[in-house]
Amino acid sequence: MADEPSRFTETRAFATQAALIARNARRVEPPAAGRNVVVLVHGFLAAPPVFDPLRRRIAEDLGWASMAFGYASYGSFEATAERFSRAVEQHVPAASTLTLVGHSLGGLLARWYVEELGGAQRVERVVTVSTPHQGTRVARLAPFGLGASILPGSAVIERLAGRRPGPALHALAGADDGTVSQESALGCAADTKAVIEGVGHNAILYAPHAQDALIAAIAGGAVDLGDHRRSVGSLAS
């Protein structure tokens, strides 16, 4: 019999996402206030409600406030990043300790805010989840709007190929991800890198053991990850 991690398939993850988006499509994000605030950024063709289960874990396990930034998948990457920057400045108090979590393309938007738009002055930690730091060939199926920014060799990928001094950077990959390879998801100068066993590109947001790993990364490694994470090394800040 397969263990629980392997049963949380991509089909189940897509169904979960569709239900979350349909149920919460009209919700308006309130400002996120607190000593610690987590801002989450979804991936290409997704929407903020995909993070609802993880946000519940953030509130219950850490007691931290959170908000999810939403954006359309058309338009330019740079304009979307500017919108993200304005949303952070508008909705998160300057006194809050800020952590960014980006899934897939959202991880590149989070890094762009930090490395290109001055966000390093506000952010303590960036966690990228299944992010195509080196691009993904799957983007060739939708090479329009923001999809073009995650093609291998895109101007965005090339610009973020190095890393400027700034907040801690953690990169997580799913062992069974067929959308973004482990090489790409870990292909950045992160302080820590880890592969989460038994999950694919979207299931990494919902499988309980994967959420444990995400909470640990958000909290700076203070939570026990159990047996389902495989560390692949770390780099000095």
C-alpha atoms as a PDB file:
ATOM      1  CA  MET A   1       0.000   0.000   0.000  1.00  0.00           C
ATOM      2  CA  ALA A   2       1.344   3.416  -0.915  1.00  0.00           C
ATOM      3  CA  ASP A   3       2.107   5.764   1.945  1.00  0.00           C
ATOM      4  CA  GLU A   4       0.130   8.980   2.514  1.00  0.00           C
ATOM      5  CA  PRO A   5       2.590  11.362   0.791  1.00  0.00           C
ATOM      6  CA  SER A   6       2.403   9.477  -2.528  1.00  0.00           C
ATOM      7  CA  ARG A   7      -1.421   9.435  -2.474  1.00  0.00           C
ATOM      8  CA  PHE A   8      -1.719  13.232  -2.647  1.00  0.00           C
ATOM      9  CA  THR A   9      -1.597  13.252  -6.448  1.00  0.00           C
ATOM     10  CA  GLU A  10      -1.547  16.155  -8.856  1.00  0.00           C
ATOM     11  CA  THR A  11      -5.116  15.280  -9.892  1.00  0.00           C
ATOM     12  CA  ARG A  12      -6.247  15.699  -6.310  1.00  0.00           C
ATOM     13  CA  ALA A  13      -4.244  18.934  -6.014  1.00  0.00           C
ATOM     14  CA  PHE A  14      -5.886  20.396  -9.149  1.00  0.00           C
ATOM     15  CA  ALA A  15      -9.330  19.497  -7.809  1.00  0.00           C
ATOM     16  CA  THR A  16      -8.475  21.157  -4.493  1.00  0.00           C
ATOM     17  CA  GLN A  17      -7.300  24.312  -6.243  1.00  0.00           C
ATOM     18  CA  ALA A  18     -10.375  24.503  -8.464  1.00  0.00           C
ATOM     19  CA  ALA A  19     -12.688  24.195  -5.484  1.00  0.00           C
ATOM     20  CA  LEU A  20     -10.798  26.819  -3.485  1.00  0.00           C
ATOM     21  CA  ILE A  21     -10.799  29.315  -6.350  1.00  0.00           C
ATOM     22  CA  ALA A  22     -14.511  28.787  -7.132  1.00  0.00           C
ATOM     23  CA  ARG A  23     -15.484  29.170  -3.487  1.00  0.00           C
ATOM     24  CA  ASN A  24     -13.435  32.297  -2.826  1.00  0.00           C
ATOM     25  CA  ALA A  25     -13.190  34.034  -6.198  1.00  0.00           C
ATOM     26  CA  ARG A  26     -14.804  37.281  -5.024  1.00  0.00           C
ATOM     27  CA  ARG A  27     -12.986  37.593  -1.725  1.00  0.00           C
ATOM     28  CA  VAL A  28     -11.117  40.841  -1.109  1.00  0.00           C
ATOM     29  CA  GLU A  29      -7.856  40.650   0.826  1.00  0.00           C
ATOM     30  CA  PRO A  30      -7.797  42.831   3.949  1.00  0.00           C
ATOM     31  CA  PRO A  31      -4.594  44.464   5.165  1.00  0.00           C
ATOM     32  CA  ALA A  32      -2.350  42.039   7.044  1.00  0.00           C
ATOM     33  CA  ALA A  33      -1.200  43.426  10.389  1.00  0.00           C
ATOM     34  CA  GLY A  34       0.937  41.784  13.025  1.00  0.00           C
ATOM     35  CA  ARG A  35       4.455  41.424  14.329  1.00  0.00           C
ATOM     36  CA  ASN A  36       5.098  38.750  11.656  1.00  0.00           C
ATOM     37  CA  VAL A  37       3.369  38.818   8.273  1.00  0.00           C
ATOM     38  CA  VAL A  38       3.642  36.294   5.449  1.00  0.00           C
ATOM     39  CA  VAL A  39       2.768  37.444   1.922  1.00  0.00           C
ATOM     40  CA  LEU A  40       2.119  34.629  -0.542  1.00  0.00           C
ATOM     41  CA  VAL A  41       2.315  34.891  -4.338  1.00  0.00           C
ATOM     42  CA  HIS A  42       0.667  32.251  -6.539  1.00  0.00           C
ATOM     43  CA  GLY A  43       1.857  30.822  -9.825  1.00  0.00           C
ATOM     44  CA  PHE A  44       0.898  31.209 -13.481  1.00  0.00           C
ATOM     45  CA  LEU A  45      -2.850  30.739 -14.167  1.00  0.00           C
ATOM     46  CA  ALA A  46      -3.617  30.300 -10.439  1.00  0.00           C
ATOM     47  CA  ALA A  47      -5.282  32.618  -7.888  1.00  0.00           C
ATOM     48  CA  PRO A  48      -4.881  33.652  -4.213  1.00  0.00           C
ATOM     49  CA  PRO A  49      -7.339  31.089  -2.758  1.00  0.00           C
ATOM     50  CA  VAL A  50      -4.960  28.221  -3.652  1.00  0.00           C
ATOM     51  CA  PHE A  51      -3.043  29.204  -0.511  1.00  0.00           C
ATOM     52  CA  ASP A  52      -6.006  29.012   1.896  1.00  0.00           C
ATOM     53  CA  PRO A  53      -5.024  25.685   3.530  1.00  0.00           C
ATOM     54  CA  LEU A  54      -1.426  26.806   3.994  1.00  0.00           C
ATOM     55  CA  ARG A  55      -2.579  30.126   5.425  1.00  0.00           C
ATOM     56  CA  ARG A  56      -4.626  28.269   8.010  1.00  0.00           C
ATOM     57  CA  ARG A  57      -1.490  26.373   8.995  1.00  0.00           C
ATOM     58  CA  ILE A  58       0.473  29.631   9.232  1.00  0.00           C
ATOM     59  CA  ALA A  59      -2.152  31.068  11.587  1.00  0.00           C
ATOM     60  CA  GLU A  60      -2.576  27.924  13.669  1.00  0.00           C
ATOM     61  CA  ASP A  61       1.052  26.763  13.894  1.00  0.00           C
ATOM     62  CA  LEU A  62       2.874  30.093  13.988  1.00  0.00           C
ATOM     63  CA  GLY A  63       0.227  32.619  15.012  1.00  0.00           C
ATOM     64  CA  TRP A  64       1.331  34.872  12.148  1.00  0.00           C
ATOM     65  CA  ALA A  65      -0.796  37.077   9.904  1.00  0.00           C
ATOM     66  CA  SER A  66      -0.819  36.500   6.150  1.00  0.00           C
ATOM     67  CA  MET A  67      -2.189  37.795   2.875  1.00  0.00           C
ATOM     68  CA  ALA A  68      -2.136  36.460  -0.688  1.00  0.00           C
ATOM     69  CA  PHE A  69      -1.370  38.658  -3.696  1.00  0.00           C
ATOM     70  CA  GLY A  70      -3.339  37.977  -6.865  1.00  0.00           C
ATOM     71  CA  TYR A  71      -2.557  38.914 -10.446  1.00  0.00           C
ATOM     72  CA  ALA A  72      -3.716  38.199 -13.986  1.00  0.00           C
ATOM     73  CA  SER A  73      -1.522  35.959 -16.120  1.00  0.00           C
ATOM     74  CA  TYR A  74      -1.522  38.392 -19.042  1.00  0.00           C
ATOM     75  CA  GLY A  75       0.486  41.618 -19.120  1.00  0.00           C
ATOM     76  CA  SER A  76       4.155  42.111 -18.371  1.00  0.00           C
ATOM     77  CA  PHE A  77       6.216  40.591 -15.588  1.00  0.00           C
ATOM     78  CA  GLU A  78       7.697  43.949 -14.613  1.00  0.00           C
ATOM     79  CA  ALA A  79       4.288  45.653 -14.340  1.00  0.00           C
ATOM     80  CA  THR A  80       2.994  42.780 -12.209  1.00  0.00           C
ATOM     81  CA  ALA A  81       6.025  43.027  -9.931  1.00  0.00           C
ATOM     82  CA  GLU A  82       5.383  46.761  -9.532  1.00  0.00           C
ATOM     83  CA  ARG A  83       1.777  45.996  -8.548  1.00  0.00           C
ATOM     84  CA  PHE A  84       3.040  43.483  -6.018  1.00  0.00           C
ATOM     85  CA  SER A  85       5.407  46.076  -4.569  1.00  0.00           C
ATOM     86  CA  ARG A  86       2.578  48.594  -4.183  1.00  0.00           C
ATOM     87  CA  ALA A  87       0.336  45.982  -2.565  1.00  0.00           C
ATOM     88  CA  VAL A  88       2.983  45.141   0.028  1.00  0.00           C
ATOM     89  CA  GLU A  89       3.583  48.779   0.837  1.00  0.00           C
ATOM     90  CA  GLN A  90      -0.151  49.451   1.097  1.00  0.00           C
ATOM     91  CA  HIS A  91      -1.299  46.403   3.058  1.00  0.00           C
ATOM     92  CA  VAL A  92       1.616  45.408   5.329  1.00  0.00           C
ATOM     93  CA  PRO A  93       2.670  47.774   8.136  1.00  0.00           C
ATOM     94  CA  ALA A  94       6.266  48.937   7.912  1.00  0.00           C
ATOM     95  CA  ALA A  95       6.943  47.677  11.445  1.00  0.00           C
ATOM     96  CA  SER A  96       6.022  44.068  10.593  1.00  0.00           C
ATOM     97  CA  THR A  97       8.660  41.399  10.012  1.00  0.00           C
ATOM     98  CA  LEU A  98       7.927  40.273   6.464  1.00  0.00           C
ATOM     99  CA  THR A  99       8.329  36.821   4.892  1.00  0.00           C
ATOM    100  CA  LEU A 100       7.541  36.173   1.224  1.00  0.00           C
ATOM    101  CA  VAL A 101       6.396  32.789  -0.095  1.00  0.00           C
ATOM    102  CA  GLY A 102       6.194  32.314  -3.849  1.00  0.00           C
ATOM    103  CA  HIS A 103       4.859  29.221  -5.614  1.00  0.00           C
ATOM    104  CA  SER A 104       6.160  28.607  -9.131  1.00  0.00           C
ATOM    105  CA  LEU A 105       6.196  31.948 -11.024  1.00  0.00           C
ATOM    106  CA  GLY A 106       5.292  33.652  -7.740  1.00  0.00           C
ATOM    107  CA  GLY A 107       8.770  32.894  -6.454  1.00  0.00           C
ATOM    108  CA  LEU A 108      10.294  34.935  -9.271  1.00  0.00           C
ATOM    109  CA  LEU A 109       7.949  37.832  -8.514  1.00  0.00           C
ATOM    110  CA  ALA A 110       8.983  37.679  -4.850  1.00  0.00           C
ATOM    111  CA  ARG A 111      12.673  37.678  -5.771  1.00  0.00           C
ATOM    112  CA  TRP A 112      12.194  40.544  -8.236  1.00  0.00           C
ATOM    113  CA  TYR A 113      10.555  42.644  -5.532  1.00  0.00           C
ATOM    114  CA  VAL A 114      13.495  41.974  -3.216  1.00  0.00           C
ATOM    115  CA  GLU A 115      16.349  42.179  -5.699  1.00  0.00           C
ATOM    116  CA  GLU A 116      15.104  44.784  -8.186  1.00  0.00           C
ATOM    117  CA  LEU A 117      12.518  46.960  -6.424  1.00  0.00           C
ATOM    118  CA  GLY A 118      14.078  47.655  -3.036  1.00  0.00           C
ATOM    119  CA  GLY A 119      12.148  45.047  -1.081  1.00  0.00           C
ATOM    120  CA  ALA A 120      15.325  43.801   0.603  1.00  0.00           C
ATOM    121  CA  GLN A 121      14.940  46.650   3.086  1.00  0.00           C
ATOM    122  CA  ARG A 122      11.644  45.171   4.340  1.00  0.00           C
ATOM    123  CA  VAL A 123      11.889  41.414   3.864  1.00  0.00           C
ATOM    124  CA  GLU A 124      13.512  39.008   6.302  1.00  0.00           C
ATOM    125  CA  ARG A 125      13.053  35.762   4.367  1.00  0.00           C
ATOM    126  CA  VAL A 126      12.013  34.541   0.919  1.00  0.00           C
ATOM    127  CA  VAL A 127      10.753  30.982   0.402  1.00  0.00           C
ATOM    128  CA  THR A 128      10.407  29.773  -3.187  1.00  0.00           C
ATOM    129  CA  VAL A 129       8.318  26.659  -3.818  1.00  0.00           C
ATOM    130  CA  SER A 130       8.645  24.770  -7.119  1.00  0.00           C
ATOM    131  CA  THR A 131       9.907  28.002  -8.699  1.00  0.00           C
ATOM    132  CA  PRO A 132      11.498  27.829 -12.184  1.00  0.00           C
ATOM    133  CA  HIS A 133      14.665  29.754 -11.337  1.00  0.00           C
ATOM    134  CA  GLN A 134      16.162  28.410 -14.568  1.00  0.00           C
ATOM    135  CA  GLY A 135      12.877  28.428 -16.473  1.00  0.00           C
ATOM    136  CA  THR A 136      10.619  25.586 -17.572  1.00  0.00           C
ATOM    137  CA  ARG A 137      10.017  24.165 -21.027  1.00  0.00           C
ATOM    138  CA  VAL A 138       6.364  23.627 -20.083  1.00  0.00           C
ATOM    139  CA  ALA A 139       5.926  27.395 -20.553  1.00  0.00           C
ATOM    140  CA  ARG A 140       6.174  26.786 -24.305  1.00  0.00           C
ATOM    141  CA  LEU A 141       2.562  25.589 -24.093  1.00  0.00           C
ATOM    142  CA  ALA A 142       1.470  29.090 -23.007  1.00  0.00           C
ATOM    143  CA  PRO A 143       4.186  31.519 -24.148  1.00  0.00           C
ATOM    144  CA  PHE A 144       2.000  34.584 -23.652  1.00  0.00           C
ATOM    145  CA  GLY A 145       1.920  37.279 -20.994  1.00  0.00           C
ATOM    146  CA  LEU A 146       3.674  36.168 -17.855  1.00  0.00           C
ATOM    147  CA  GLY A 147       4.206  32.697 -19.304  1.00  0.00           C
ATOM    148  CA  ALA A 148       6.969  34.131 -21.480  1.00  0.00           C
ATOM    149  CA  SER A 149       8.904  35.188 -18.382  1.00  0.00           C
ATOM    150  CA  ILE A 150       9.426  31.583 -17.255  1.00  0.00           C
ATOM    151  CA  LEU A 151      10.773  30.269 -20.535  1.00  0.00           C
ATOM    152  CA  PRO A 152      14.418  29.147 -20.206  1.00  0.00           C
ATOM    153  CA  GLY A 153      16.694  32.045 -21.094  1.00  0.00           C
ATOM    154  CA  SER A 154      14.021  34.748 -20.705  1.00  0.00           C
ATOM    155  CA  ALA A 155      15.120  38.251 -19.739  1.00  0.00           C
ATOM    156  CA  VAL A 156      13.620  37.728 -16.267  1.00  0.00           C
ATOM    157  CA  ILE A 157      15.435  34.417 -15.738  1.00  0.00           C
ATOM    158  CA  GLU A 158      18.719  35.928 -16.917  1.00  0.00           C
ATOM    159  CA  ARG A 159      18.323  39.003 -14.719  1.00  0.00           C
ATOM    160  CA  LEU A 160      17.746  36.869 -11.613  1.00  0.00           C
ATOM    161  CA  ALA A 161      20.480  34.365 -12.455  1.00  0.00           C
ATOM    162  CA  GLY A 162      22.789  35.908  -9.873  1.00  0.00           C
ATOM    163  CA  ARG A 163      21.849  36.982  -6.391  1.00  0.00           C
ATOM    164  CA  ARG A 164      22.371  40.271  -4.649  1.00  0.00           C
ATOM    165  CA  PRO A 165      22.988  40.494  -0.896  1.00  0.00           C
ATOM    166  CA  GLY A 166      19.708  40.544   0.970  1.00  0.00           C
ATOM    167  CA  PRO A 167      17.301  38.464   3.055  1.00  0.00           C
ATOM    168  CA  ALA A 168      17.595  34.725   3.579  1.00  0.00           C
ATOM    169  CA  LEU A 169      16.515  32.674   0.551  1.00  0.00           C
ATOM    170  CA  HIS A 170      15.134  29.130   0.810  1.00  0.00           C
ATOM    171  CA  ALA A 171      14.304  26.976  -2.222  1.00  0.00           C
ATOM    172  CA  LEU A 172      11.994  23.947  -2.052  1.00  0.00           C
ATOM    173  CA  ALA A 173      11.293  21.438  -4.823  1.00  0.00           C
ATOM    174  CA  GLY A 174       8.845  18.556  -5.214  1.00  0.00           C
ATOM    175  CA  ALA A 175      10.470  15.197  -5.918  1.00  0.00           C
ATOM    176  CA  ASP A 176       7.696  14.273  -8.387  1.00  0.00           C
ATOM    177  CA  ASP A 177       7.320  17.669 -10.086  1.00  0.00           C
ATOM    178  CA  GLY A 178       6.721  17.259 -13.811  1.00  0.00           C
ATOM    179  CA  THR A 179       6.288  20.999 -14.451  1.00  0.00           C
ATOM    180  CA  VAL A 180       9.445  22.480 -12.929  1.00  0.00           C
ATOM    181  CA  SER A 181      12.480  20.235 -12.688  1.00  0.00           C
ATOM    182  CA  GLN A 182      14.362  19.875  -9.422  1.00  0.00           C
ATOM    183  CA  GLU A 183      17.389  21.374 -11.152  1.00  0.00           C
ATOM    184  CA  SER A 184      15.419  24.512 -11.979  1.00  0.00           C
ATOM    185  CA  ALA A 185      13.541  24.738  -8.663  1.00  0.00           C
ATOM    186  CA  LEU A 186      16.856  24.566  -6.809  1.00  0.00           C
ATOM    187  CA  GLY A 187      18.802  26.492  -9.458  1.00  0.00           C
ATOM    188  CA  CYS A 188      19.418  29.653  -7.478  1.00  0.00           C
ATOM    189  CA  ALA A 189      21.930  30.805  -4.888  1.00  0.00           C
ATOM    190  CA  ALA A 190      19.697  29.870  -1.962  1.00  0.00           C
ATOM    191  CA  ASP A 191      20.906  29.643   1.615  1.00  0.00           C
ATOM    192  CA  THR A 192      19.107  26.310   1.981  1.00  0.00           C
ATOM    193  CA  LYS A 193      17.687  23.908  -0.587  1.00  0.00           C
ATOM    194  CA  ALA A 194      15.447  20.906  -0.009  1.00  0.00           C
ATOM    195  CA  VAL A 195      13.478  18.345  -1.990  1.00  0.00           C
ATOM    196  CA  ILE A 196      10.078  17.327  -0.605  1.00  0.00           C
ATOM    197  CA  GLU A 197       9.422  13.660  -1.282  1.00  0.00           C
ATOM    198  CA  GLY A 198       6.162  12.310  -2.657  1.00  0.00           C
ATOM    199  CA  VAL A 199       4.701  15.515  -4.144  1.00  0.00           C
ATOM    200  CA  GLY A 200       4.438  17.203  -7.508  1.00  0.00           C
ATOM    201  CA  HIS A 201       4.141  20.810  -8.625  1.00  0.00           C
ATOM    202  CA  ASN A 202       0.782  21.612  -7.004  1.00  0.00           C
ATOM    203  CA  ALA A 203       0.468  18.867  -4.395  1.00  0.00           C
ATOM    204  CA  ILE A 204       3.430  20.444  -2.609  1.00  0.00           C
ATOM    205  CA  LEU A 205       0.971  23.077  -1.333  1.00  0.00           C
ATOM    206  CA  TYR A 206      -1.483  20.560   0.167  1.00  0.00           C
ATOM    207  CA  ALA A 207       0.137  17.322   1.300  1.00  0.00           C
ATOM    208  CA  PRO A 208       0.448  17.496   5.112  1.00  0.00           C
ATOM    209  CA  HIS A 209       4.130  16.576   5.195  1.00  0.00           C
ATOM    210  CA  ALA A 210       4.877  19.176   2.501  1.00  0.00           C
ATOM    211  CA  GLN A 211       3.009  21.827   4.473  1.00  0.00           C
ATOM    212  CA  ASP A 212       5.137  20.863   7.486  1.00  0.00           C
ATOM    213  CA  ALA A 213       8.237  21.618   5.425  1.00  0.00           C
ATOM    214  CA  LEU A 214       6.806  24.902   4.166  1.00  0.00           C
ATOM    215  CA  ILE A 215       5.927  26.012   7.699  1.00  0.00           C
ATOM    216  CA  ALA A 216       9.445  25.116   8.801  1.00  0.00           C
ATOM    217  CA  ALA A 217      10.981  27.196   6.013  1.00  0.00           C
ATOM    218  CA  ILE A 218       8.676  30.133   6.731  1.00  0.00           C
ATOM    219  CA  ALA A 219       9.625  29.986  10.402  1.00  0.00           C
ATOM    220  CA  GLY A 220      13.320  29.805   9.589  1.00  0.00           C
ATOM    221  CA  GLY A 221      13.691  26.082  10.211  1.00  0.00           C
ATOM    222  CA  ALA A 222      12.280  26.042  13.734  1.00  0.00           C
ATOM    223  CA  VAL A 223       9.735  23.257  13.014  1.00  0.00           C
ATOM    224  CA  ASP A 224      10.582  19.535  12.850  1.00  0.00           C
ATOM    225  CA  LEU A 225      10.290  18.374   9.228  1.00  0.00           C
ATOM    226  CA  GLY A 226       9.976  14.674   9.958  1.00  0.00           C
ATOM    227  CA  ASP A 227      11.234  12.131   7.423  1.00  0.00           C
ATOM    228  CA  HIS A 228       9.888  13.521   4.150  1.00  0.00           C
ATOM    229  CA  ARG A 229      12.407  16.240   3.365  1.00  0.00           C
ATOM    230  CA  ARG A 230      15.725  15.611   1.661  1.00  0.00           C
ATOM    231  CA  SER A 231      18.216  18.401   2.216  1.00  0.00           C
ATOM    232  CA  VAL A 232      20.492  19.060  -0.723  1.00  0.00           C
ATOM    233  CA  GLY A 233      22.920  21.427   0.917  1.00  0.00           C
ATOM    234  CA  SER A 234      23.201  25.009   1.953  1.00  0.00           C
ATOM    235  CA  LEU A 235      25.134  28.082   0.983  1.00  0.00           C
ATOM    236  CA  ALA A 236      26.529  30.804   3.172  1.00  0.00           C
ATOM    237  CA  SER A 237      24.512  34.026   3.233  1.00  0.00           C
END
